[in-house]
Protein backbone atom coordinates (compact mmCIF):
# COMPACT_ATOMS: atom_id res chain seq x y z
CA MET A 1 -39.98 13.99 0.01
CA GLN A 2 -37.23 11.87 -1.53
CA ASN A 3 -38.82 8.67 -0.24
CA THR A 4 -42.23 9.85 -1.55
CA ALA A 5 -40.83 10.40 -5.03
CA LEU A 6 -39.16 7.01 -5.02
CA ASP A 7 -42.32 5.33 -3.79
CA ARG A 8 -44.33 7.02 -6.53
CA LEU A 9 -41.81 5.94 -9.18
CA ARG A 10 -41.93 2.37 -7.87
CA THR A 11 -45.72 2.44 -7.98
CA TRP A 12 -45.73 3.63 -11.59
CA LEU A 13 -43.20 1.00 -12.67
CA THR A 14 -45.26 -1.81 -11.10
CA ALA A 15 -48.70 -0.42 -12.03
CA ASP A 16 -51.34 -2.79 -13.31
CA ASP A 17 -51.93 -0.47 -16.25
CA PRO A 18 -49.38 -1.64 -18.85
CA ARG A 19 -49.39 1.76 -20.55
CA LEU A 20 -48.39 3.54 -17.32
CA SER A 21 -45.69 1.02 -16.39
CA LEU A 22 -44.29 0.91 -19.95
CA GLY A 23 -44.34 4.69 -20.29
CA THR A 24 -42.57 5.11 -16.94
CA ALA A 25 -39.93 2.55 -17.86
CA ILE A 26 -39.31 4.25 -21.21
CA GLY A 27 -39.07 7.64 -19.50
CA VAL A 28 -36.54 6.35 -16.97
CA ALA A 29 -34.51 4.70 -19.74
CA VAL A 30 -34.50 7.89 -21.82
CA LEU A 31 -33.42 9.97 -18.79
CA ILE A 32 -30.61 7.57 -17.96
CA GLY A 33 -29.55 7.52 -21.61
CA LEU A 34 -29.48 11.32 -21.80
CA LEU A 35 -27.45 11.62 -18.61
CA THR A 36 -25.04 8.89 -19.71
CA GLY A 37 -24.61 10.46 -23.16
CA ALA A 38 -23.99 13.88 -21.64
CA LEU A 39 -21.45 12.43 -19.23
CA PHE A 40 -19.56 10.58 -21.96
CA GLY A 41 -19.79 13.57 -24.29
CA LEU A 42 -18.43 16.02 -21.74
CA LEU A 43 -15.75 13.84 -20.16
CA GLY A 44 -14.95 11.17 -22.73
CA PRO A 45 -15.26 7.40 -22.21
CA ALA A 46 -12.34 6.94 -19.78
CA LEU A 47 -13.23 9.82 -17.51
CA ALA A 48 -16.95 9.02 -17.63
CA VAL A 49 -16.42 5.42 -16.56
CA GLY A 50 -13.98 6.62 -13.90
CA ALA A 51 -16.45 9.21 -12.62
CA VAL A 52 -19.26 6.67 -12.35
CA GLY A 53 -16.99 4.18 -10.65
CA ALA A 54 -15.68 6.82 -8.24
CA LEU A 55 -19.25 7.86 -7.40
CA VAL A 56 -20.31 4.29 -6.62
CA VAL A 57 -17.18 3.61 -4.55
CA GLY A 58 -17.54 6.95 -2.78
CA LEU A 59 -21.13 6.19 -1.77
CA LEU A 60 -20.09 2.77 -0.45
CA MET A 61 -17.22 4.32 1.50
CA LEU A 62 -19.55 6.82 3.14
CA ARG A 63 -21.82 3.98 4.25
CA SER A 64 -19.15 1.75 5.78
CA ILE A 65 -15.55 2.03 6.99
CA ARG A 66 -15.01 -1.52 5.78
CA TRP A 67 -15.77 -0.46 2.20
CA GLY A 68 -13.45 2.49 2.73
CA LEU A 69 -10.64 0.11 3.64
CA PHE A 70 -11.42 -2.03 0.58
CA ALA A 71 -11.22 1.03 -1.67
CA LEU A 72 -8.01 2.26 -0.06
CA ILE A 73 -6.32 -1.12 -0.49
CA GLY A 74 -7.35 -1.24 -4.14
CA LEU A 75 -5.96 2.25 -4.75
CA ILE A 76 -2.70 1.47 -2.96
CA CYS A 77 -2.15 -1.57 -5.17
CA LEU A 78 -3.61 -0.48 -8.49
CA LEU A 79 -3.68 3.33 -8.76
CA PRO A 80 -1.26 4.66 -6.13
CA TYR A 81 -0.50 8.00 -7.80
CA GLY A 82 -3.88 8.62 -9.43
CA ALA A 83 -5.23 12.15 -8.98
CA VAL A 84 -8.56 13.73 -9.84
CA PRO A 85 -8.46 15.42 -13.27
CA VAL A 86 -9.36 18.79 -11.77
CA ASP A 87 -6.82 21.39 -10.65
CA ILE A 88 -7.83 23.26 -7.47
CA GLY A 89 -4.40 24.74 -6.93
CA PHE A 90 -3.22 21.15 -6.67
CA ARG A 91 -4.65 17.84 -7.81
CA PRO A 92 -5.87 15.74 -4.88
CA THR A 93 -5.07 12.07 -5.23
CA PHE A 94 -7.63 9.32 -4.97
CA ILE A 95 -5.77 8.07 -1.90
CA ASP A 96 -6.24 11.52 -0.33
CA GLY A 97 -9.98 11.17 -0.89
CA ALA A 98 -10.05 7.64 0.51
CA LEU A 99 -8.13 8.68 3.64
CA LEU A 100 -10.36 11.69 4.25
CA ALA A 101 -13.50 9.60 3.74
CA LEU A 102 -12.26 6.94 6.15
CA PHE A 103 -11.43 9.38 8.92
CA GLY A 104 -14.53 11.45 8.21
CA VAL A 105 -16.88 8.47 8.58
CA TRP A 106 -15.03 7.32 11.70
CA PHE A 107 -15.29 10.83 13.23
CA VAL A 108 -19.02 10.99 12.48
CA ARG A 109 -19.51 7.57 14.07
CA MET A 110 -17.73 8.78 17.19
CA ILE A 111 -19.63 12.06 17.61
CA THR A 112 -23.01 10.48 16.87
CA GLY A 113 -22.44 7.71 19.40
CA THR A 114 -22.58 4.91 16.81
CA GLN A 115 -19.16 3.93 18.11
CA ARG A 116 -18.46 4.85 21.72
CA THR A 117 -15.05 3.31 22.33
CA PHE A 118 -11.55 4.16 21.17
CA GLU A 119 -8.91 1.51 21.76
CA PRO A 120 -5.33 2.74 21.24
CA SER A 121 -3.84 -0.71 22.06
CA ALA A 122 -0.38 -1.26 23.53
CA LEU A 123 1.12 0.56 20.54
CA GLY A 124 -1.01 3.66 21.03
CA THR A 125 1.37 5.60 23.27
CA PRO A 126 4.54 5.08 21.18
CA ILE A 127 2.65 5.81 17.94
CA PHE A 128 1.20 9.02 19.40
CA ALA A 129 4.74 9.93 20.49
CA PHE A 130 6.02 9.17 16.99
CA LEU A 131 3.37 11.41 15.41
CA LEU A 132 4.08 14.21 17.90
CA TRP A 133 7.83 14.05 17.32
CA ALA A 134 7.28 14.06 13.56
CA MET A 135 5.33 17.32 13.91
CA VAL A 136 8.06 18.80 16.15
CA ALA A 137 10.73 17.87 13.59
CA PHE A 138 8.62 19.24 10.74
CA ILE A 139 8.12 22.61 12.47
CA ALA A 140 11.77 22.82 13.50
CA GLY A 141 12.82 22.14 9.92
CA LEU A 142 10.96 25.23 8.72
CA ALA A 143 13.68 27.34 10.36
CA HIS A 144 16.02 26.60 7.46
CA THR A 145 13.66 25.69 4.60
CA PRO A 146 10.66 27.70 3.34
CA LEU A 147 7.34 25.92 3.64
CA SER A 148 5.73 24.88 0.36
CA ALA A 149 2.12 23.82 -0.14
CA THR A 150 3.27 20.51 -1.65
CA VAL A 151 5.46 19.55 1.32
CA LEU A 152 2.73 20.58 3.79
CA ARG A 153 0.11 18.49 1.97
CA ARG A 154 2.35 15.45 1.72
CA PHE A 155 3.35 15.68 5.37
CA ALA A 156 -0.34 15.82 6.33
CA GLU A 157 -0.92 12.75 4.16
CA VAL A 158 1.86 10.92 6.03
CA LEU A 159 0.26 11.76 9.39
CA LEU A 160 -3.06 10.37 8.15
CA ALA A 161 -1.31 7.29 6.76
CA VAL A 162 0.34 6.55 10.12
CA SER A 163 -3.01 7.11 11.88
CA LEU A 164 -4.52 4.33 9.75
CA PHE A 165 -3.19 2.05 12.46
CA PHE A 166 -5.93 3.27 14.79
CA VAL A 167 -8.63 2.84 12.14
CA ALA A 168 -7.68 -0.81 11.66
CA VAL A 169 -7.42 -1.56 15.38
CA ASN A 170 -10.77 0.05 16.21
CA GLN A 171 -12.80 -1.11 13.21
CA VAL A 172 -11.64 -4.70 12.65
CA ARG A 173 -13.28 -6.43 15.61
CA ARG A 174 -14.51 -9.68 14.07
CA ILE A 175 -12.65 -12.50 12.39
CA GLU A 176 -14.96 -12.25 9.37
CA SER A 177 -14.00 -8.61 8.83
CA LEU A 178 -10.31 -9.52 9.07
CA ARG A 179 -10.77 -12.35 6.58
CA GLN A 180 -12.51 -10.03 4.11
CA ILE A 181 -9.79 -7.39 4.33
CA THR A 182 -7.06 -10.01 3.97
CA ALA A 183 -8.81 -11.41 0.90
CA VAL A 184 -9.00 -7.93 -0.64
CA ILE A 185 -5.28 -7.40 -0.02
CA VAL A 186 -4.43 -10.70 -1.70
CA LEU A 187 -6.76 -10.12 -4.66
CA SER A 188 -5.52 -6.56 -5.20
CA GLY A 189 -1.91 -7.70 -4.88
CA GLY A 190 -2.54 -10.53 -7.34
CA LEU A 191 -3.99 -8.11 -9.88
CA THR A 192 -0.95 -5.87 -9.41
CA GLY A 193 1.29 -8.86 -10.01
CA PHE A 194 -0.66 -9.72 -13.15
CA LEU A 195 -0.27 -6.16 -14.47
CA GLY A 196 3.43 -6.23 -13.67
CA VAL A 197 3.93 -9.41 -15.68
CA LEU A 198 1.58 -8.30 -18.47
CA PHE A 199 3.27 -4.95 -19.06
CA TYR A 200 6.64 -6.70 -18.94
CA VAL A 201 5.86 -9.24 -21.68
CA LEU A 202 3.90 -6.89 -23.96
CA PRO A 203 5.87 -5.03 -26.63
CA GLY A 204 7.36 -1.86 -25.18
CA PRO A 205 5.44 0.58 -27.43
CA LEU A 206 2.13 -1.08 -26.52
CA THR A 207 2.92 -0.89 -22.79
CA VAL A 208 3.78 2.79 -23.18
CA ARG A 209 0.56 3.44 -25.08
CA ILE A 210 -1.58 1.70 -22.45
CA LEU A 211 0.06 3.34 -19.42
CA SER A 212 0.05 6.75 -21.10
CA LYS A 213 -3.76 6.60 -20.96
CA LEU A 214 -3.37 7.20 -17.22
CA ALA A 215 -1.93 10.66 -17.91
CA VAL A 216 -5.43 12.07 -17.37
CA PHE A 217 -5.02 10.95 -13.74
CA ASN A 218 -1.67 12.76 -13.41
CA TYR A 219 0.49 9.78 -14.36
CA PRO A 220 3.60 10.22 -16.53
CA ALA A 221 3.35 9.46 -20.23
CA GLY A 222 5.73 8.65 -23.05
CA PRO A 223 8.66 6.25 -23.53
CA GLY A 224 10.22 7.34 -20.24
CA ILE A 225 7.64 5.19 -18.44
CA LEU A 226 9.65 2.06 -19.19
CA ARG A 227 12.40 1.38 -16.67
CA PHE A 228 15.61 -0.58 -17.10
CA VAL A 229 18.36 -1.85 -14.84
CA GLU A 230 20.66 1.10 -14.04
CA ASP A 231 18.50 3.18 -16.43
CA ASP A 232 20.32 1.58 -19.35
CA PRO A 233 18.04 0.42 -22.22
CA GLY A 234 20.71 -2.14 -23.06
CA GLN A 235 20.09 -3.82 -19.71
CA PRO A 236 17.02 -5.94 -18.82
CA MET A 237 13.71 -4.13 -18.45
CA ARG A 238 12.14 -3.89 -14.97
CA ALA A 239 8.49 -4.57 -14.10
CA ILE A 240 6.50 -1.49 -13.07
CA ALA A 241 2.76 -2.38 -13.21
CA THR A 242 0.98 0.89 -12.34
CA SER A 243 3.56 1.79 -9.67
CA ILE A 244 5.89 3.31 -12.31
CA ASP A 245 8.91 3.01 -10.00
CA PRO A 246 10.10 -0.64 -10.01
CA ASN A 247 11.56 -0.38 -6.50
CA ALA A 248 8.26 1.03 -5.20
CA LEU A 249 6.47 -1.89 -6.87
CA GLY A 250 8.94 -4.23 -5.17
CA GLY A 251 8.17 -2.67 -1.79
CA LEU A 252 4.45 -3.14 -2.36
CA LEU A 253 4.85 -6.71 -3.56
CA VAL A 254 7.03 -7.85 -0.68
CA VAL A 255 4.17 -7.06 1.74
CA VAL A 256 1.24 -8.47 -0.25
CA THR A 257 3.19 -11.51 -1.46
CA ALA A 258 4.18 -12.44 2.09
CA ILE A 259 0.52 -12.26 3.16
CA ALA A 260 -0.61 -14.34 0.17
CA ILE A 261 2.01 -17.08 0.60
CA VAL A 262 1.44 -17.44 4.35
CA GLN A 263 -2.30 -17.68 3.66
CA LEU A 264 -1.56 -20.35 1.07
CA PHE A 265 -0.01 -22.53 3.79
CA ALA A 266 -2.53 -21.61 6.50
CA ASP A 267 -5.01 -24.25 7.68
CA ARG A 268 -7.96 -21.91 7.02
CA PRO A 269 -7.01 -19.67 4.08
CA VAL A 270 -9.17 -16.71 3.07
CA LEU A 271 -9.40 -17.89 -0.56
CA PRO A 272 -9.32 -21.28 -2.30
CA ARG A 273 -5.76 -22.63 -2.35
CA ARG A 274 -5.60 -22.91 -6.14
CA LEU A 275 -6.53 -19.25 -6.49
CA LEU A 276 -4.05 -18.28 -3.77
CA ALA A 277 -1.31 -20.24 -5.53
CA LEU A 278 -2.06 -18.45 -8.81
CA LEU A 279 -2.15 -15.00 -7.20
CA ALA A 280 0.99 -15.62 -5.13
CA GLY A 281 2.78 -16.91 -8.24
CA LEU A 282 1.90 -13.76 -10.20
CA MET A 283 3.07 -11.57 -7.34
CA GLY A 284 6.30 -13.50 -6.90
CA LEU A 285 7.09 -13.46 -10.62
CA SER A 286 6.37 -9.75 -10.83
CA LEU A 287 8.64 -9.16 -7.83
CA VAL A 288 11.48 -11.03 -9.56
CA LEU A 289 10.94 -8.95 -12.71
CA THR A 290 11.34 -5.70 -10.75
CA PHE A 291 15.00 -6.69 -10.18
CA SER A 292 14.57 -5.21 -6.70
CA ARG A 293 17.12 -7.13 -4.68
CA GLY A 294 16.20 -5.46 -1.39
CA SER A 295 12.56 -6.47 -1.78
CA MET A 296 13.54 -10.04 -2.62
CA ALA A 297 15.68 -10.13 0.53
CA GLY A 298 12.69 -8.81 2.46
CA LEU A 299 10.37 -11.51 1.12
CA THR A 300 12.94 -14.20 1.90
CA ALA A 301 13.18 -12.97 5.50
CA ALA A 302 9.39 -12.78 5.79
CA LEU A 303 8.88 -16.37 4.65
CA ALA A 304 11.75 -17.59 6.81
CA VAL A 305 10.07 -16.15 9.91
CA ALA A 306 6.76 -17.81 9.05
CA GLY A 307 8.62 -21.04 8.36
CA VAL A 308 10.45 -20.98 11.69
CA LEU A 309 7.29 -20.21 13.66
CA ARG A 310 4.90 -22.68 12.04
CA TYR A 311 4.94 -23.57 8.35
CA ARG A 312 8.08 -25.66 7.76
CA LYS A 313 6.97 -26.45 4.21
CA LEU A 314 7.80 -22.87 3.31
CA PHE A 315 11.48 -23.79 3.40
CA LEU A 316 10.87 -26.43 0.71
CA LEU A 317 9.16 -23.80 -1.44
CA MET A 318 12.05 -21.39 -0.93
CA LEU A 319 14.57 -24.08 -1.78
CA LEU A 320 12.66 -25.03 -4.95
CA VAL A 321 12.51 -21.40 -6.09
CA ALA A 322 16.23 -20.93 -5.39
CA ILE A 323 17.12 -24.03 -7.46
CA LEU A 324 14.94 -22.86 -10.35
CA MET A 325 16.51 -19.41 -10.23
CA LEU A 326 19.98 -20.92 -10.39
CA LEU A 327 19.20 -23.37 -13.21
CA LEU A 328 16.79 -21.58 -15.55
CA PRO A 329 18.52 -19.67 -18.37
CA GLN A 330 15.92 -16.87 -18.14
CA SER A 331 16.93 -16.06 -14.56
CA GLN A 332 20.69 -15.86 -15.01
CA ALA A 333 20.68 -12.09 -15.48
CA TYR A 334 18.82 -11.73 -12.20
CA VAL A 335 21.22 -14.06 -10.36
CA ALA A 336 24.22 -12.21 -11.78
CA ARG A 337 22.82 -8.86 -10.65
CA PHE A 338 22.09 -10.25 -7.18
CA VAL A 339 25.67 -11.46 -6.86
CA GLU A 340 26.98 -8.09 -8.04
CA GLY A 341 24.94 -6.42 -5.34
CA LEU A 342 26.34 -8.72 -2.64
CA ARG A 343 29.85 -7.91 -3.79
CA GLY A 344 29.16 -4.19 -4.12
CA GLN A 345 30.30 -4.21 -7.74
CA ASP A 346 27.38 -2.59 -9.58
CA LEU A 347 26.73 1.13 -9.91
CA ALA A 348 23.45 1.11 -7.94
CA THR A 349 25.06 -0.53 -4.89
CA GLN A 350 28.03 1.83 -5.00
CA MET A 351 25.67 4.81 -5.14
CA ARG A 352 23.83 3.43 -2.10
CA PHE A 353 27.11 3.26 -0.18
CA GLY A 354 27.67 6.92 -1.03
CA GLU A 355 24.16 7.77 0.18
CA TYR A 356 24.73 5.94 3.46
CA LYS A 357 27.95 7.86 4.07
CA ASP A 358 26.29 11.23 3.38
CA ALA A 359 23.29 10.29 5.54
CA LEU A 360 25.53 9.42 8.49
CA THR A 361 27.27 12.79 8.10
CA LEU A 362 23.92 14.59 8.13
CA ILE A 363 22.70 12.65 11.18
CA SER A 364 25.94 13.37 13.06
CA ARG A 365 25.36 17.11 12.55
CA TYR A 366 21.68 17.05 13.57
CA PRO A 367 21.32 14.00 15.84
CA VAL A 368 18.34 15.01 17.99
CA LEU A 369 15.67 16.65 15.79
CA GLY A 370 17.00 15.85 12.35
CA VAL A 371 16.42 18.40 9.59
CA GLY A 372 12.69 17.97 8.99
CA PHE A 373 10.95 16.88 5.81
CA SER A 374 11.65 19.60 3.26
CA GLY A 375 15.39 20.13 2.97
CA THR A 376 18.74 20.52 4.72
CA PRO A 377 20.38 23.67 6.13
CA ASP A 378 23.78 22.73 4.67
CA ILE A 379 24.53 23.18 1.00
CA ASP A 380 26.95 20.26 0.97
CA LEU A 381 24.30 17.74 2.09
CA TYR A 382 20.96 16.52 0.78
CA LEU A 383 17.87 14.89 2.26
CA GLY A 384 17.23 11.37 1.03
CA VAL A 385 18.78 7.95 1.34
CA SER A 386 17.81 4.46 0.23
CA ASN A 387 17.37 3.20 3.77
CA LEU A 388 14.22 3.46 5.87
CA TYR A 389 16.04 3.85 9.18
CA LEU A 390 18.60 6.40 8.03
CA LEU A 391 15.83 8.42 6.35
CA ILE A 392 13.82 8.56 9.58
CA ALA A 393 16.96 9.61 11.46
CA GLU A 394 17.65 12.31 8.85
CA GLN A 395 14.14 13.71 9.11
CA MET A 396 13.37 13.17 12.82
CA GLY A 397 16.76 12.60 14.41
CA LEU A 398 17.87 9.65 16.47
CA VAL A 399 15.02 10.31 18.89
CA GLY A 400 12.49 9.75 16.09
CA LEU A 401 14.29 6.61 14.99
CA LEU A 402 14.31 5.29 18.57
CA ILE A 403 10.55 5.87 18.92
CA PHE A 404 9.97 4.07 15.61
CA LEU A 405 12.00 1.09 16.80
CA VAL A 406 10.01 1.03 20.06
CA VAL A 407 6.78 0.92 18.01
CA VAL A 408 8.09 -1.93 15.88
CA GLY A 409 9.44 -3.85 18.87
CA THR A 410 6.14 -3.49 20.74
CA TYR A 411 4.27 -4.73 17.67
CA PHE A 412 6.25 -7.95 17.53
CA VAL A 413 5.96 -8.51 21.28
CA VAL A 414 2.17 -8.07 21.14
CA THR A 415 1.65 -10.29 18.08
CA TYR A 416 4.11 -12.96 19.23
CA ARG A 417 2.46 -13.27 22.64
CA ALA A 418 -0.93 -13.54 20.96
CA TRP A 419 0.40 -16.19 18.57
CA ARG A 420 1.69 -18.23 21.50
CA GLN A 421 -1.89 -18.37 22.82
CA THR A 422 -3.37 -19.66 19.56
CA SER A 423 -3.75 -23.34 18.88
CA PRO A 424 -2.29 -24.76 15.66
CA GLY A 425 -4.83 -24.62 12.86
CA SER A 426 -7.00 -21.97 14.51
CA ALA A 427 -8.82 -19.48 12.29
CA ILE A 428 -6.73 -16.54 13.49
CA GLU A 429 -3.27 -18.13 13.29
CA GLY A 430 -2.83 -17.65 9.55
CA HIS A 431 -3.66 -13.95 9.86
CA LEU A 432 -1.28 -13.35 12.77
CA LEU A 433 1.61 -15.02 10.99
CA ALA A 434 0.78 -13.30 7.68
CA TYR A 435 0.88 -9.82 9.19
CA GLN A 436 3.98 -10.61 11.22
CA ALA A 437 5.74 -11.87 8.10
CA ALA A 438 4.62 -8.86 6.05
CA LEU A 439 6.09 -6.43 8.59
CA VAL A 440 9.34 -8.40 8.72
CA GLY A 441 9.53 -8.21 4.92
CA ALA A 442 8.93 -4.45 4.93
CA LEU A 443 11.50 -3.84 7.68
CA VAL A 444 14.19 -5.97 6.03
CA GLY A 445 13.44 -4.40 2.65
CA GLY A 446 13.71 -1.03 4.41
CA VAL A 447 17.43 -1.64 4.90
CA PHE A 448 17.83 -1.16 1.14
CA ASP A 449 14.95 1.22 0.31
CA HIS A 450 13.11 4.17 1.83
CA PHE A 451 9.50 3.86 0.65
CA PHE A 452 7.76 3.00 3.91
CA PHE A 453 8.34 6.44 5.43
CA ASN A 454 8.81 8.71 2.45
CA ILE A 455 6.43 11.65 1.90
CA ASN A 456 6.60 11.03 -1.86
CA PHE A 457 5.24 7.47 -1.50
CA VAL A 458 2.27 7.95 0.79
CA HIS A 459 0.58 4.78 -0.45
CA LEU A 460 3.40 2.61 0.91
CA VAL A 461 3.45 4.51 4.20
CA ALA A 462 -0.29 3.83 4.45
CA LEU A 463 0.20 0.13 3.61
CA PHE A 464 2.88 -0.26 6.30
CA TRP A 465 0.76 1.18 9.12
CA LEU A 466 -2.44 -0.48 7.91
CA VAL A 467 -0.73 -3.87 8.02
CA MET A 468 0.57 -3.09 11.50
CA GLY A 469 -2.95 -2.20 12.63
CA LEU A 470 -4.39 -5.38 11.12
CA GLY A 471 -1.73 -7.42 12.91
CA VAL A 472 -2.66 -5.88 16.27
CA ALA A 473 -6.37 -6.40 15.50
CA ALA A 474 -5.62 -10.06 14.80
CA ALA A 475 -3.69 -10.29 18.06
CA ARG A 476 -6.67 -8.89 19.99
CA LEU A 477 -9.01 -11.41 18.35
CA ALA A 478 -6.60 -14.20 19.24
CA VAL A 479 -6.50 -13.18 22.91
CA GLU A 480 -10.11 -12.10 23.44
CA GLY A 481 -11.89 -14.28 20.89
CA ASP A 482 -14.11 -13.16 18.02
């Protein structure tokens, strides 16, 4: 019936009778105008545009997992905390919707026979073990902390985010698909870098006014949006883009910047080199403006690995950036803060040392299962530390940390062996090295921050495991061919 109605409408619009075709066109225009006016009148301009955009993206996601991955990457980079403006007991985030759509479409493809294979890869067993142990630790932790709907929802989001690895491995089976996804990551990261720089250079009140418009999507509003070094307005301001937390923005940028810069030096980049240089420059500048020293250390390690393995010119770029940072007057505050961190002289570093000490005490009391994801049984201790590895050990015990390290170690073995089989300049080499470097950056940055396995930053958890899945997909393409 739907096709009949559409066919009839098409016939009327293309009728030989000009009165019929004109009348039909006017009727369609009036109907669209009425619907658009009603939508804008009921929701307002911002929500109406958002609703239309969400509808279009949602329809594309339901048609293709690839479009679902595109949408998820865009949300991770540009609207990580955005939530639907409707309260159903809680406000689902856009990332929640993207994750559910991805797994829903994949499940339908499996049960309908559109896709008949499931490939866990060499990482499948340790990742399944990691997910299982996370659930064991979560349930065990309920013995000392009441379960809340918020913690349950966020833990479920983390499980879905980790499972993104399997989506990437099973859906990215052609080099063209990998190139498209890599291009979307770089473009989304470049736009994030642009927003980070833009909101940094704009007058503070204007930045606050612009970002406060996102309050309808459950973002914070007001002057408190702006962030400063050590939360002191007398200190330099820190870039936030739409990530609000400058350290979270730094964690995001270390991954996407590593991918962009390695692609810039690759023999077959996914985008024109001039555009890649511009996007990578915006990301790198925004990363510097976050004053996130851990993320900068992560990016340095990521580029060093890519430089050692293949692209020696990266060391010249790193040297040039280091010289500029040391000589430019505008960067002296950043250099001074970096030196203070190395010496342990600033307040933030001293607080981290205190967190590490408390975390080690907590782990020594609960070494096997940890304390779960919602709280601690001891009043003298707290859950949370600015270190990825200590946080995993707090939540899941040393067993959970060991499984995580096995996953990571297996990833680098798989991708390194695949890289050894690629010829220099091959189409897949730049992708393999990009996703290896990105994981190195995240893991080194994780020594100083906790975002890549924190239930309050699901978007960065999702980014970490998505990148890991894309790296394994690239390794399979390198070994088996496109």
